[in-house]
Amino acid sequence: MTLAREIVPTAINRHGITTDTRWLSIREIAADLGVSSSTAYKWSARGAPWFPRSIRLLNGDIRVRRDWYETWLGELEQ
């Protein structure tokens, strides 16, 4: 039995490392919103509604799924 595997879009970051584009870092979100990284980190510490749903990795980095981010942006527009 063969299981279908989801195709995961990838991109190469500035360090030449292939990354999964489903997950965004705080810096990527800050750049997209046109704010500083420190502002985005402050918003993430405040949580919703200031920042989209996120997870903290074992190394302390914060990641946001792209669909969570897009949903959050859509809610802000309403």
Protein backbone atom coordinates (compact mmCIF):
# COMPACT_ATOMS: atom_id res chain seq x y z
CA MET A 1 0.00 0.00 0.00
CA THR A 2 1.45 3.33 -1.05
CA LEU A 3 0.59 6.41 0.91
CA ALA A 4 0.29 9.68 -0.94
CA ARG A 5 2.69 12.25 0.41
CA GLU A 6 1.86 15.92 0.42
CA ILE A 7 4.11 17.96 -1.83
CA VAL A 8 5.83 20.56 0.30
CA PRO A 9 6.88 23.80 -1.36
CA THR A 10 10.44 24.77 -0.55
CA ALA A 11 12.61 27.81 -0.92
CA ILE A 12 16.28 28.56 -0.42
CA ASN A 13 16.98 31.11 2.30
CA ARG A 14 19.83 33.62 2.37
CA HIS A 15 22.16 31.01 3.88
CA GLY A 16 21.57 28.64 0.97
CA ILE A 17 19.52 26.25 3.11
CA THR A 18 16.33 24.75 1.72
CA THR A 19 13.38 25.69 3.91
CA ASP A 20 9.75 24.72 4.13
CA THR A 21 7.72 27.73 2.97
CA ARG A 22 4.68 26.60 4.97
CA TRP A 23 6.35 28.00 8.09
CA LEU A 24 7.31 31.65 8.53
CA SER A 25 9.77 33.11 11.00
CA ILE A 26 9.12 36.31 12.94
CA ARG A 27 11.65 38.10 10.74
CA GLU A 28 9.83 37.01 7.59
CA ILE A 29 6.53 38.25 9.03
CA ALA A 30 8.12 41.53 10.12
CA ALA A 31 9.51 42.08 6.62
CA ASP A 32 6.13 41.32 5.06
CA LEU A 33 4.36 43.77 7.40
CA GLY A 34 7.05 46.43 7.04
CA VAL A 35 7.86 46.60 10.75
CA SER A 36 11.05 45.92 12.67
CA SER A 37 11.83 42.46 14.00
CA SER A 38 11.74 43.79 17.56
CA THR A 39 8.19 45.08 17.03
CA ALA A 40 7.10 41.70 15.65
CA TYR A 41 8.71 39.91 18.62
CA LYS A 42 6.82 42.22 21.02
CA TRP A 43 3.56 41.51 19.22
CA SER A 44 4.21 37.76 19.36
CA ALA A 45 4.77 37.98 23.12
CA ARG A 46 1.36 39.65 23.49
CA GLY A 47 -0.37 36.90 21.52
CA ALA A 48 -3.76 37.17 19.84
CA PRO A 49 -5.10 39.48 18.48
CA TRP A 50 -1.71 41.20 18.15
CA PHE A 51 -0.04 38.27 16.44
CA PRO A 52 -1.17 35.13 14.62
CA ARG A 53 -1.18 31.70 16.21
CA SER A 54 2.39 30.42 16.51
CA ILE A 55 4.55 27.65 17.90
CA ARG A 56 7.85 27.79 19.74
CA LEU A 57 10.50 25.32 18.60
CA LEU A 58 12.82 23.52 21.01
CA ASN A 59 15.61 25.95 20.14
CA GLY A 60 13.36 28.90 21.13
CA ASP A 61 12.57 30.10 17.61
CA ILE A 62 8.97 31.01 16.84
CA ARG A 63 7.23 29.85 13.67
CA VAL A 64 3.86 30.67 12.16
CA ARG A 65 2.16 28.53 9.57
CA ARG A 66 1.51 30.48 6.39
CA ASP A 67 -2.23 29.69 6.47
CA TRP A 68 -2.47 30.88 10.11
CA TYR A 69 -0.76 34.12 9.07
CA GLU A 70 -3.04 34.65 6.08
CA THR A 71 -6.15 33.96 8.21
CA TRP A 72 -4.93 36.46 10.81
CA LEU A 73 -4.35 39.10 8.11
CA GLY A 74 -7.84 38.46 6.73
CA GLU A 75 -9.35 38.96 10.19
CA LEU A 76 -7.53 42.29 10.55
CA GLU A 77 -9.00 43.55 7.29
CA GLN A 78 -12.58 43.03 8.47
